[in-house]
Amino acid sequence: MSYVDGFVLPVPKAEWEEYKKQAELGAKVWMEHGALSYVEAEADDVPNGEVTSFPLAVEKEEGETIVFSFVTYKSREHRDEVMKKVMADPRLQPGMQNMPPYMKRLIYGGFKVFLER
């Protein structure tokens, strides 16, 4: 079964264009290093919750949107191989050395796929 890395984060609308540039670079790098797919999606129908929700999870602030992203791989082992290359790629180093403050509210994790069609 395949493997998925998932991400949810708030992005200030004032920084949206810069975020999209970084997402384009990320997609290029991940795919060049072997990811099967790379998806970045902006919130469209994401309600606020009282107990839990995407906005609550990332502590969404006024003037922000939410991004849901995922990258797919053949397996956990494949993901680990790809991530090692991605993290060492010099094209991503400037962004990793100078992360914007909102990235502290990023939620991420790796998931074993148990159903796939």
N, C-alpha and C. Protein backbone atom coordinates (compact mmCIF):
# COMPACT_ATOMS: atom_id res chain seq x y z
N MET A 1 0.84 -1.19 0.00
CA MET A 1 0.00 0.00 0.00
C MET A 1 0.88 1.25 0.00
N SER A 2 0.33 2.32 -0.51
CA SER A 2 1.08 3.57 -0.60
C SER A 2 1.15 4.29 0.76
N TYR A 3 1.84 5.40 0.76
CA TYR A 3 2.07 6.19 1.96
C TYR A 3 1.82 7.65 1.62
N VAL A 4 1.32 8.41 2.61
CA VAL A 4 0.96 9.81 2.38
C VAL A 4 1.53 10.68 3.49
N ASP A 5 2.14 11.79 3.12
CA ASP A 5 2.46 12.85 4.08
C ASP A 5 1.38 13.90 3.93
N GLY A 6 0.77 14.31 5.05
CA GLY A 6 -0.29 15.31 5.01
C GLY A 6 0.10 16.55 5.80
N PHE A 7 -0.38 17.69 5.34
CA PHE A 7 -0.05 18.98 5.95
C PHE A 7 -1.29 19.87 5.98
N VAL A 8 -1.47 20.59 7.07
CA VAL A 8 -2.51 21.62 7.17
C VAL A 8 -1.83 22.84 7.80
N LEU A 9 -2.01 24.01 7.17
CA LEU A 9 -1.38 25.20 7.71
C LEU A 9 -2.17 26.45 7.34
N PRO A 10 -2.05 27.49 8.17
CA PRO A 10 -2.65 28.78 7.84
C PRO A 10 -1.65 29.58 7.01
N VAL A 11 -2.15 30.33 6.06
CA VAL A 11 -1.29 31.20 5.26
C VAL A 11 -1.92 32.59 5.21
N PRO A 12 -1.20 33.60 5.65
CA PRO A 12 -1.73 34.96 5.57
C PRO A 12 -2.01 35.32 4.11
N LYS A 13 -3.17 35.90 3.87
CA LYS A 13 -3.52 36.29 2.50
C LYS A 13 -2.51 37.27 1.91
N ALA A 14 -1.90 38.06 2.76
CA ALA A 14 -0.88 39.02 2.30
C ALA A 14 0.38 38.30 1.79
N GLU A 15 0.56 37.05 2.17
CA GLU A 15 1.73 36.29 1.76
C GLU A 15 1.38 35.17 0.78
N TRP A 16 0.14 35.19 0.28
CA TRP A 16 -0.37 34.13 -0.57
C TRP A 16 0.46 33.91 -1.84
N GLU A 17 0.81 34.95 -2.54
CA GLU A 17 1.57 34.80 -3.79
C GLU A 17 2.95 34.20 -3.53
N GLU A 18 3.59 34.62 -2.46
CA GLU A 18 4.90 34.05 -2.11
C GLU A 18 4.75 32.58 -1.73
N TYR A 19 3.68 32.26 -0.98
CA TYR A 19 3.45 30.86 -0.61
C TYR A 19 3.28 30.00 -1.87
N LYS A 20 2.53 30.50 -2.83
CA LYS A 20 2.30 29.73 -4.07
C LYS A 20 3.61 29.51 -4.82
N LYS A 21 4.50 30.48 -4.81
CA LYS A 21 5.81 30.31 -5.45
C LYS A 21 6.59 29.19 -4.75
N GLN A 22 6.55 29.21 -3.43
CA GLN A 22 7.25 28.17 -2.68
C GLN A 22 6.61 26.80 -2.89
N ALA A 23 5.29 26.77 -3.03
CA ALA A 23 4.59 25.51 -3.30
C ALA A 23 4.99 24.96 -4.66
N GLU A 24 5.12 25.83 -5.65
CA GLU A 24 5.56 25.40 -6.99
C GLU A 24 6.96 24.79 -6.92
N LEU A 25 7.84 25.44 -6.17
CA LEU A 25 9.19 24.91 -6.00
C LEU A 25 9.14 23.57 -5.27
N GLY A 26 8.35 23.50 -4.22
CA GLY A 26 8.21 22.25 -3.48
C GLY A 26 7.72 21.12 -4.37
N ALA A 27 6.71 21.39 -5.17
CA ALA A 27 6.18 20.37 -6.08
C ALA A 27 7.27 19.88 -7.03
N LYS A 28 8.02 20.81 -7.57
CA LYS A 28 9.08 20.45 -8.52
C LYS A 28 10.11 19.56 -7.83
N VAL A 29 10.56 19.96 -6.66
CA VAL A 29 11.60 19.22 -5.94
C VAL A 29 11.10 17.83 -5.54
N TRP A 30 9.92 17.75 -4.92
CA TRP A 30 9.39 16.46 -4.49
C TRP A 30 9.22 15.50 -5.68
N MET A 31 8.66 16.01 -6.75
CA MET A 31 8.43 15.15 -7.91
C MET A 31 9.76 14.71 -8.55
N GLU A 32 10.73 15.61 -8.64
CA GLU A 32 12.03 15.24 -9.19
C GLU A 32 12.72 14.17 -8.36
N HIS A 33 12.45 14.16 -7.07
CA HIS A 33 13.09 13.18 -6.19
C HIS A 33 12.26 11.92 -6.00
N GLY A 34 11.14 11.79 -6.73
CA GLY A 34 10.43 10.52 -6.76
C GLY A 34 9.05 10.45 -6.17
N ALA A 35 8.51 11.54 -5.63
CA ALA A 35 7.14 11.48 -5.12
C ALA A 35 6.19 11.09 -6.25
N LEU A 36 5.12 10.39 -5.91
CA LEU A 36 4.13 9.98 -6.92
C LEU A 36 3.18 11.12 -7.28
N SER A 37 2.84 11.93 -6.28
CA SER A 37 1.98 13.10 -6.52
C SER A 37 2.23 14.13 -5.43
N TYR A 38 1.87 15.38 -5.75
CA TYR A 38 2.06 16.50 -4.82
C TYR A 38 0.86 17.41 -5.01
N VAL A 39 0.11 17.66 -3.95
CA VAL A 39 -1.12 18.46 -4.05
C VAL A 39 -1.11 19.55 -2.99
N GLU A 40 -1.47 20.76 -3.41
CA GLU A 40 -1.68 21.90 -2.50
C GLU A 40 -3.08 22.43 -2.79
N ALA A 41 -3.91 22.55 -1.75
CA ALA A 41 -5.29 23.00 -1.94
C ALA A 41 -5.63 24.08 -0.93
N GLU A 42 -6.31 25.15 -1.42
CA GLU A 42 -6.73 26.25 -0.55
C GLU A 42 -8.15 25.99 -0.05
N ALA A 43 -8.39 26.36 1.20
CA ALA A 43 -9.71 26.19 1.82
C ALA A 43 -10.79 26.85 0.98
N ASP A 44 -11.90 26.16 0.81
CA ASP A 44 -13.04 26.68 0.07
C ASP A 44 -14.32 26.50 0.89
N ASP A 45 -14.52 25.33 1.45
CA ASP A 45 -15.70 25.03 2.26
C ASP A 45 -15.20 24.41 3.57
N VAL A 46 -14.65 25.26 4.44
CA VAL A 46 -14.01 24.81 5.67
C VAL A 46 -14.64 25.57 6.84
N PRO A 47 -15.67 24.98 7.45
CA PRO A 47 -16.36 25.69 8.52
C PRO A 47 -15.56 25.77 9.81
N ASN A 48 -15.85 26.80 10.59
CA ASN A 48 -15.30 26.90 11.94
C ASN A 48 -16.02 25.88 12.80
N GLY A 49 -15.32 25.31 13.74
CA GLY A 49 -15.94 24.35 14.64
C GLY A 49 -15.96 24.88 16.06
N GLU A 50 -16.70 24.19 16.91
CA GLU A 50 -16.74 24.56 18.32
C GLU A 50 -15.78 23.71 19.13
N VAL A 51 -15.59 22.46 18.72
CA VAL A 51 -14.71 21.56 19.44
C VAL A 51 -13.44 21.30 18.64
N THR A 52 -13.61 21.03 17.33
CA THR A 52 -12.47 20.79 16.47
C THR A 52 -12.81 21.18 15.04
N SER A 53 -11.82 21.62 14.32
CA SER A 53 -11.99 22.00 12.91
C SER A 53 -10.61 22.36 12.37
N PHE A 54 -10.50 22.49 11.07
CA PHE A 54 -9.23 22.95 10.50
C PHE A 54 -8.86 24.34 11.04
N PRO A 55 -9.81 25.31 11.06
CA PRO A 55 -9.43 26.64 11.58
C PRO A 55 -8.95 26.60 13.03
N LEU A 56 -9.61 25.80 13.86
CA LEU A 56 -9.18 25.69 15.26
C LEU A 56 -7.82 25.00 15.37
N ALA A 57 -7.63 23.97 14.58
CA ALA A 57 -6.39 23.18 14.66
C ALA A 57 -5.16 24.03 14.36
N VAL A 58 -5.27 24.94 13.40
CA VAL A 58 -4.10 25.76 13.03
C VAL A 58 -4.17 27.17 13.64
N GLU A 59 -5.13 27.37 14.53
CA GLU A 59 -5.31 28.68 15.17
C GLU A 59 -5.39 29.79 14.13
N LYS A 60 -6.28 29.58 13.16
CA LYS A 60 -6.46 30.53 12.05
C LYS A 60 -6.78 31.92 12.60
N GLU A 61 -6.09 32.89 12.03
CA GLU A 61 -6.29 34.29 12.42
C GLU A 61 -6.99 35.04 11.29
N GLU A 62 -7.50 36.21 11.62
CA GLU A 62 -8.13 37.08 10.63
C GLU A 62 -7.13 37.35 9.50
N GLY A 63 -7.60 37.29 8.27
CA GLY A 63 -6.75 37.58 7.13
C GLY A 63 -5.92 36.39 6.67
N GLU A 64 -6.26 35.20 7.14
CA GLU A 64 -5.55 34.00 6.72
C GLU A 64 -6.48 33.04 5.99
N THR A 65 -5.89 32.20 5.19
CA THR A 65 -6.60 31.10 4.56
C THR A 65 -5.92 29.82 5.03
N ILE A 66 -6.54 28.69 4.78
CA ILE A 66 -5.98 27.41 5.20
C ILE A 66 -5.57 26.62 3.97
N VAL A 67 -4.42 25.98 4.06
CA VAL A 67 -3.94 25.11 2.99
C VAL A 67 -3.91 23.68 3.51
N PHE A 68 -4.41 22.77 2.68
CA PHE A 68 -4.34 21.33 2.94
C PHE A 68 -3.48 20.76 1.83
N SER A 69 -2.40 20.07 2.19
CA SER A 69 -1.47 19.55 1.20
C SER A 69 -1.19 18.09 1.49
N PHE A 70 -0.86 17.35 0.43
CA PHE A 70 -0.41 15.99 0.64
C PHE A 70 0.50 15.55 -0.49
N VAL A 71 1.40 14.64 -0.12
CA VAL A 71 2.36 14.06 -1.05
C VAL A 71 2.22 12.55 -0.94
N THR A 72 2.21 11.85 -2.08
CA THR A 72 2.07 10.40 -2.03
C THR A 72 3.35 9.70 -2.49
N TYR A 73 3.52 8.52 -1.93
CA TYR A 73 4.71 7.71 -2.18
C TYR A 73 4.30 6.24 -2.35
N LYS A 74 5.21 5.41 -2.81
CA LYS A 74 4.95 3.98 -2.99
C LYS A 74 4.80 3.27 -1.63
N SER A 75 5.58 3.71 -0.64
CA SER A 75 5.62 3.06 0.67
C SER A 75 6.30 4.00 1.67
N ARG A 76 6.33 3.61 2.93
CA ARG A 76 7.04 4.38 3.95
C ARG A 76 8.53 4.43 3.61
N GLU A 77 9.07 3.32 3.17
CA GLU A 77 10.49 3.27 2.81
C GLU A 77 10.78 4.23 1.65
N HIS A 78 9.90 4.23 0.65
CA HIS A 78 10.05 5.14 -0.49
C HIS A 78 9.98 6.58 0.00
N ARG A 79 9.04 6.87 0.89
CA ARG A 79 8.91 8.22 1.44
C ARG A 79 10.19 8.65 2.14
N ASP A 80 10.76 7.76 2.94
CA ASP A 80 11.98 8.10 3.66
C ASP A 80 13.12 8.39 2.69
N GLU A 81 13.22 7.63 1.61
CA GLU A 81 14.25 7.87 0.58
C GLU A 81 14.04 9.23 -0.09
N VAL A 82 12.80 9.51 -0.48
CA VAL A 82 12.48 10.78 -1.14
C VAL A 82 12.75 11.95 -0.20
N MET A 83 12.29 11.85 1.05
CA MET A 83 12.45 12.95 2.00
C MET A 83 13.92 13.24 2.29
N LYS A 84 14.74 12.22 2.33
CA LYS A 84 16.17 12.44 2.55
C LYS A 84 16.74 13.32 1.44
N LYS A 85 16.35 13.04 0.20
CA LYS A 85 16.82 13.82 -0.95
C LYS A 85 16.22 15.23 -0.93
N VAL A 86 14.94 15.31 -0.62
CA VAL A 86 14.26 16.61 -0.59
C VAL A 86 14.90 17.52 0.46
N MET A 87 15.11 17.00 1.66
CA MET A 87 15.67 17.82 2.74
C MET A 87 17.10 18.26 2.44
N ALA A 88 17.81 17.53 1.60
CA ALA A 88 19.18 17.90 1.24
C ALA A 88 19.25 18.77 0.00
N ASP A 89 18.13 18.97 -0.69
CA ASP A 89 18.13 19.72 -1.94
C ASP A 89 18.43 21.19 -1.67
N PRO A 90 19.48 21.72 -2.30
CA PRO A 90 19.88 23.12 -2.03
C PRO A 90 18.82 24.15 -2.43
N ARG A 91 17.92 23.83 -3.33
CA ARG A 91 16.88 24.78 -3.74
C ARG A 91 15.93 25.10 -2.61
N LEU A 92 15.78 24.19 -1.65
CA LEU A 92 14.85 24.41 -0.54
C LEU A 92 15.52 25.02 0.69
N GLN A 93 16.84 25.05 0.72
CA GLN A 93 17.55 25.51 1.90
C GLN A 93 17.22 26.95 2.30
N PRO A 94 17.15 27.91 1.37
CA PRO A 94 16.82 29.28 1.80
C PRO A 94 15.48 29.37 2.53
N GLY A 95 14.47 28.67 2.02
CA GLY A 95 13.15 28.69 2.67
C GLY A 95 13.15 28.01 4.02
N MET A 96 13.93 26.93 4.15
CA MET A 96 13.98 26.21 5.42
C MET A 96 14.77 26.99 6.47
N GLN A 97 15.71 27.82 6.04
CA GLN A 97 16.51 28.62 6.97
C GLN A 97 15.77 29.87 7.43
N ASN A 98 14.74 30.28 6.67
CA ASN A 98 14.03 31.52 6.97
C ASN A 98 12.52 31.29 6.91
N MET A 99 12.03 30.41 7.77
CA MET A 99 10.60 30.07 7.78
C MET A 99 9.77 31.25 8.30
N PRO A 100 8.65 31.54 7.62
CA PRO A 100 7.77 32.60 8.14
C PRO A 100 7.12 32.14 9.46
N PRO A 101 6.77 33.07 10.33
CA PRO A 101 6.21 32.74 11.64
C PRO A 101 4.98 31.83 11.60
N TYR A 102 4.11 31.99 10.59
CA TYR A 102 2.90 31.17 10.54
C TYR A 102 3.20 29.68 10.40
N MET A 103 4.40 29.33 9.94
CA MET A 103 4.76 27.92 9.78
C MET A 103 4.84 27.18 11.12
N LYS A 104 4.90 27.92 12.22
CA LYS A 104 4.89 27.28 13.54
C LYS A 104 3.56 26.61 13.82
N ARG A 105 2.53 26.98 13.06
CA ARG A 105 1.20 26.40 13.26
C ARG A 105 0.89 25.30 12.24
N LEU A 106 1.90 24.88 11.51
CA LEU A 106 1.78 23.78 10.56
C LEU A 106 1.52 22.48 11.30
N ILE A 107 0.56 21.70 10.79
CA ILE A 107 0.30 20.36 11.31
C ILE A 107 0.71 19.40 10.21
N TYR A 108 1.46 18.36 10.56
CA TYR A 108 1.89 17.41 9.53
C TYR A 108 2.02 16.01 10.12
N GLY A 109 2.02 15.04 9.25
CA GLY A 109 2.23 13.66 9.69
C GLY A 109 2.27 12.73 8.50
N GLY A 110 2.80 11.54 8.73
CA GLY A 110 2.85 10.50 7.72
C GLY A 110 1.78 9.46 8.02
N PHE A 111 1.15 8.96 6.96
CA PHE A 111 0.02 8.05 7.11
C PHE A 111 0.16 6.82 6.22
N LYS A 112 -0.09 5.64 6.81
CA LYS A 112 -0.13 4.40 6.04
C LYS A 112 -1.52 4.31 5.41
N VAL A 113 -1.56 4.16 4.11
CA VAL A 113 -2.84 4.03 3.42
C VAL A 113 -3.40 2.64 3.68
N PHE A 114 -4.68 2.56 4.09
CA PHE A 114 -5.30 1.26 4.31
C PHE A 114 -6.43 0.98 3.32
N LEU A 115 -6.85 2.02 2.58
CA LEU A 115 -7.86 1.85 1.53
C LEU A 115 -7.53 2.80 0.41
N GLU A 116 -7.47 2.28 -0.79
CA GLU A 116 -7.12 3.11 -1.94
C GLU A 116 -7.82 2.54 -3.16
N ARG A 117 -8.45 3.38 -3.93
CA ARG A 117 -9.14 2.93 -5.15
C ARG A 117 -8.58 3.65 -6.34
